[in-house]
Amino acid sequence: MTEVRVPDIGAADIRVGTWLVDVGDEVMEGDRLVELSSPGVIFDVASPADGMITRIAVLTGSSITPGELLGQIDDFSAAGSTS
């Protein structure tokens, strides 16, 4: 399992914008997962690993802090895939 966490971008007021994936979606390392925003800036969080999205921990519009858990990815072997 790989945790996806809010990166430290040097901003205190960060909100979850749009999730670009759903639970059950397969992703590859580097795929865009979610848009985050702070005043005047919108940025993407990319997948840190290949696998399947198994948890989205915060909803669109939620206020979040650096280091907070956004979601979880299970690698393909843990998700039951046979690649």
N, C-alpha and C. Protein backbone atom coordinates (compact mmCIF):
# COMPACT_ATOMS: atom_id res chain seq x y z
N MET A 1 0.84 -1.18 0.00
CA MET A 1 0.00 0.00 0.00
C MET A 1 0.89 1.24 0.00
N THR A 2 0.49 2.21 -0.80
CA THR A 2 1.19 3.49 -0.85
C THR A 2 0.22 4.59 -0.44
N GLU A 3 0.66 5.43 0.49
CA GLU A 3 -0.17 6.56 0.91
C GLU A 3 0.11 7.75 -0.01
N VAL A 4 -0.94 8.49 -0.33
CA VAL A 4 -0.82 9.73 -1.08
C VAL A 4 -1.09 10.85 -0.09
N ARG A 5 -0.10 11.72 0.10
CA ARG A 5 -0.22 12.78 1.09
C ARG A 5 -0.10 14.16 0.44
N VAL A 6 -0.60 15.16 1.13
CA VAL A 6 -0.53 16.54 0.66
C VAL A 6 0.93 16.99 0.69
N PRO A 7 1.45 17.43 -0.45
CA PRO A 7 2.84 17.90 -0.45
C PRO A 7 2.97 19.23 0.28
N ASP A 8 4.16 19.52 0.76
CA ASP A 8 4.43 20.80 1.41
C ASP A 8 4.78 21.80 0.32
N ILE A 9 3.83 22.68 0.02
CA ILE A 9 4.04 23.66 -1.04
C ILE A 9 4.29 25.06 -0.48
N GLY A 10 4.46 25.15 0.83
CA GLY A 10 4.72 26.44 1.44
C GLY A 10 3.48 27.29 1.63
N ALA A 11 2.30 26.69 1.54
CA ALA A 11 1.05 27.42 1.74
C ALA A 11 0.30 26.78 2.90
N ALA A 12 -0.41 27.61 3.64
CA ALA A 12 -1.17 27.10 4.78
C ALA A 12 -2.63 26.83 4.43
N ASP A 13 -3.20 27.60 3.51
CA ASP A 13 -4.61 27.47 3.14
C ASP A 13 -4.71 26.65 1.86
N ILE A 14 -4.84 25.32 2.01
CA ILE A 14 -4.92 24.41 0.87
C ILE A 14 -6.28 23.72 0.90
N ARG A 15 -6.91 23.65 -0.28
CA ARG A 15 -8.19 22.97 -0.41
C ARG A 15 -8.13 21.92 -1.50
N VAL A 16 -8.94 20.87 -1.32
CA VAL A 16 -9.06 19.85 -2.35
C VAL A 16 -9.97 20.40 -3.44
N GLY A 17 -9.45 20.42 -4.67
CA GLY A 17 -10.23 20.88 -5.81
C GLY A 17 -11.02 19.72 -6.40
N THR A 18 -10.53 19.15 -7.48
CA THR A 18 -11.23 18.10 -8.19
C THR A 18 -10.44 16.80 -8.14
N TRP A 19 -11.12 15.73 -7.73
CA TRP A 19 -10.50 14.41 -7.84
C TRP A 19 -10.59 13.96 -9.28
N LEU A 20 -9.51 13.50 -9.84
CA LEU A 20 -9.45 13.06 -11.23
C LEU A 20 -9.56 11.55 -11.36
N VAL A 21 -9.64 10.86 -10.22
CA VAL A 21 -9.77 9.41 -10.16
C VAL A 21 -10.86 9.05 -9.16
N ASP A 22 -11.30 7.80 -9.24
CA ASP A 22 -12.27 7.26 -8.29
C ASP A 22 -11.69 6.00 -7.65
N VAL A 23 -12.25 5.60 -6.52
CA VAL A 23 -11.86 4.33 -5.90
C VAL A 23 -12.10 3.23 -6.92
N GLY A 24 -11.11 2.36 -7.08
CA GLY A 24 -11.18 1.26 -8.03
C GLY A 24 -10.45 1.54 -9.34
N ASP A 25 -10.10 2.81 -9.58
CA ASP A 25 -9.35 3.14 -10.80
C ASP A 25 -7.91 2.66 -10.70
N GLU A 26 -7.40 2.17 -11.82
CA GLU A 26 -5.99 1.82 -11.89
C GLU A 26 -5.21 3.04 -12.34
N VAL A 27 -4.06 3.28 -11.71
CA VAL A 27 -3.22 4.42 -12.04
C VAL A 27 -1.78 3.96 -12.22
N MET A 28 -1.04 4.77 -12.93
CA MET A 28 0.38 4.54 -13.12
C MET A 28 1.13 5.67 -12.42
N GLU A 29 2.35 5.41 -11.99
CA GLU A 29 3.16 6.43 -11.35
C GLU A 29 3.21 7.65 -12.26
N GLY A 30 2.96 8.82 -11.69
CA GLY A 30 2.98 10.07 -12.44
C GLY A 30 1.63 10.53 -12.94
N ASP A 31 0.61 9.64 -12.92
CA ASP A 31 -0.74 10.04 -13.33
C ASP A 31 -1.27 11.11 -12.37
N ARG A 32 -2.02 12.05 -12.90
CA ARG A 32 -2.66 13.07 -12.08
C ARG A 32 -3.80 12.44 -11.28
N LEU A 33 -3.81 12.69 -9.96
CA LEU A 33 -4.84 12.12 -9.09
C LEU A 33 -5.86 13.15 -8.64
N VAL A 34 -5.38 14.32 -8.22
CA VAL A 34 -6.26 15.31 -7.62
C VAL A 34 -5.66 16.70 -7.81
N GLU A 35 -6.55 17.68 -7.97
CA GLU A 35 -6.12 19.07 -8.04
C GLU A 35 -6.30 19.68 -6.65
N LEU A 36 -5.28 20.36 -6.18
CA LEU A 36 -5.35 21.10 -4.93
C LEU A 36 -5.22 22.58 -5.25
N SER A 37 -5.72 23.42 -4.37
CA SER A 37 -5.60 24.85 -4.61
C SER A 37 -5.27 25.59 -3.32
N SER A 38 -4.55 26.66 -3.50
CA SER A 38 -4.30 27.62 -2.43
C SER A 38 -4.54 28.97 -3.10
N PRO A 39 -4.66 30.05 -2.36
CA PRO A 39 -5.00 31.33 -2.99
C PRO A 39 -4.10 31.64 -4.19
N GLY A 40 -4.73 31.72 -5.37
CA GLY A 40 -4.02 32.09 -6.58
C GLY A 40 -3.27 30.97 -7.27
N VAL A 41 -3.26 29.75 -6.71
CA VAL A 41 -2.48 28.66 -7.30
C VAL A 41 -3.32 27.37 -7.32
N ILE A 42 -3.29 26.68 -8.46
CA ILE A 42 -3.89 25.35 -8.57
C ILE A 42 -2.77 24.40 -8.98
N PHE A 43 -2.66 23.27 -8.31
CA PHE A 43 -1.59 22.32 -8.63
C PHE A 43 -2.12 20.91 -8.51
N ASP A 44 -1.45 19.99 -9.22
CA ASP A 44 -1.85 18.59 -9.24
C ASP A 44 -0.98 17.77 -8.30
N VAL A 45 -1.57 16.72 -7.75
CA VAL A 45 -0.82 15.72 -7.02
C VAL A 45 -0.78 14.49 -7.92
N ALA A 46 0.42 14.01 -8.20
CA ALA A 46 0.61 12.85 -9.07
C ALA A 46 0.72 11.58 -8.25
N SER A 47 0.39 10.48 -8.89
CA SER A 47 0.50 9.18 -8.25
C SER A 47 1.97 8.85 -7.98
N PRO A 48 2.28 8.46 -6.74
CA PRO A 48 3.66 8.09 -6.42
C PRO A 48 3.99 6.64 -6.81
N ALA A 49 2.98 5.88 -7.28
CA ALA A 49 3.20 4.45 -7.58
C ALA A 49 2.15 3.95 -8.55
N ASP A 50 2.42 2.80 -9.15
CA ASP A 50 1.44 2.09 -9.95
C ASP A 50 0.51 1.32 -9.02
N GLY A 51 -0.75 1.21 -9.37
CA GLY A 51 -1.67 0.41 -8.58
C GLY A 51 -3.11 0.81 -8.76
N MET A 52 -3.92 0.48 -7.76
CA MET A 52 -5.35 0.77 -7.79
C MET A 52 -5.70 1.69 -6.63
N ILE A 53 -6.50 2.71 -6.90
CA ILE A 53 -6.97 3.61 -5.85
C ILE A 53 -7.93 2.81 -4.96
N THR A 54 -7.59 2.70 -3.68
CA THR A 54 -8.43 1.94 -2.76
C THR A 54 -9.09 2.82 -1.69
N ARG A 55 -8.64 4.09 -1.62
CA ARG A 55 -9.25 4.98 -0.62
C ARG A 55 -9.05 6.42 -1.05
N ILE A 56 -10.10 7.20 -0.95
CA ILE A 56 -10.02 8.65 -1.06
C ILE A 56 -10.42 9.16 0.32
N ALA A 57 -9.47 9.83 0.98
CA ALA A 57 -9.65 10.16 2.40
C ALA A 57 -10.28 11.53 2.64
N VAL A 58 -10.24 12.42 1.65
CA VAL A 58 -10.81 13.77 1.84
C VAL A 58 -11.67 14.13 0.63
N LEU A 59 -12.74 14.84 0.90
CA LEU A 59 -13.69 15.18 -0.14
C LEU A 59 -13.33 16.51 -0.82
N THR A 60 -13.84 16.67 -2.03
CA THR A 60 -13.69 17.93 -2.75
C THR A 60 -14.18 19.08 -1.88
N GLY A 61 -13.41 20.16 -1.84
CA GLY A 61 -13.76 21.34 -1.05
C GLY A 61 -13.21 21.34 0.36
N SER A 62 -12.67 20.20 0.80
CA SER A 62 -12.12 20.11 2.16
C SER A 62 -10.85 20.93 2.30
N SER A 63 -10.68 21.52 3.46
CA SER A 63 -9.45 22.22 3.81
C SER A 63 -8.47 21.19 4.36
N ILE A 64 -7.22 21.24 3.88
CA ILE A 64 -6.23 20.23 4.27
C ILE A 64 -4.91 20.90 4.61
N THR A 65 -4.02 20.14 5.22
CA THR A 65 -2.71 20.65 5.60
C THR A 65 -1.61 19.78 5.01
N PRO A 66 -0.41 20.34 4.82
CA PRO A 66 0.70 19.53 4.31
C PRO A 66 0.91 18.27 5.15
N GLY A 67 1.13 17.16 4.47
CA GLY A 67 1.34 15.89 5.14
C GLY A 67 0.08 15.09 5.40
N GLU A 68 -1.08 15.72 5.26
CA GLU A 68 -2.34 15.03 5.51
C GLU A 68 -2.58 13.95 4.44
N LEU A 69 -3.21 12.85 4.85
CA LEU A 69 -3.51 11.75 3.95
C LEU A 69 -4.61 12.15 2.97
N LEU A 70 -4.32 12.00 1.67
CA LEU A 70 -5.32 12.23 0.62
C LEU A 70 -5.99 10.93 0.20
N GLY A 71 -5.19 9.88 0.09
CA GLY A 71 -5.74 8.61 -0.36
C GLY A 71 -4.72 7.50 -0.28
N GLN A 72 -5.11 6.32 -0.78
CA GLN A 72 -4.23 5.15 -0.74
C GLN A 72 -4.28 4.43 -2.07
N ILE A 73 -3.13 3.87 -2.43
CA ILE A 73 -3.00 3.07 -3.64
C ILE A 73 -2.45 1.71 -3.23
N ASP A 74 -3.13 0.64 -3.66
CA ASP A 74 -2.59 -0.71 -3.47
C ASP A 74 -1.88 -1.10 -4.75
N ASP A 75 -0.70 -1.72 -4.60
CA ASP A 75 0.00 -2.14 -5.81
C ASP A 75 -0.82 -3.24 -6.47
N PHE A 76 -0.53 -3.50 -7.75
CA PHE A 76 -1.34 -4.43 -8.52
C PHE A 76 -1.38 -5.82 -7.90
N SER A 77 -0.30 -6.29 -7.29
CA SER A 77 -0.32 -7.63 -6.69
C SER A 77 -1.26 -7.67 -5.49
N ALA A 78 -1.28 -6.59 -4.69
CA ALA A 78 -2.17 -6.53 -3.53
C ALA A 78 -3.62 -6.35 -3.97
N ALA A 79 -3.82 -5.69 -5.12
CA ALA A 79 -5.18 -5.46 -5.62
C ALA A 79 -5.72 -6.65 -6.38
N GLY A 80 -4.89 -7.69 -6.56
CA GLY A 80 -5.35 -8.90 -7.20
C GLY A 80 -5.15 -8.95 -8.70
N SER A 81 -4.41 -7.98 -9.25
CA SER A 81 -4.15 -7.96 -10.69
C SER A 81 -3.00 -8.90 -11.02
N THR A 82 -3.02 -9.42 -12.22
CA THR A 82 -1.93 -10.29 -12.65
C THR A 82 -1.25 -9.68 -13.86
N SER A 83 -0.43 -8.67 -13.66
CA SER A 83 0.20 -8.01 -14.79
C SER A 83 1.38 -8.77 -15.29
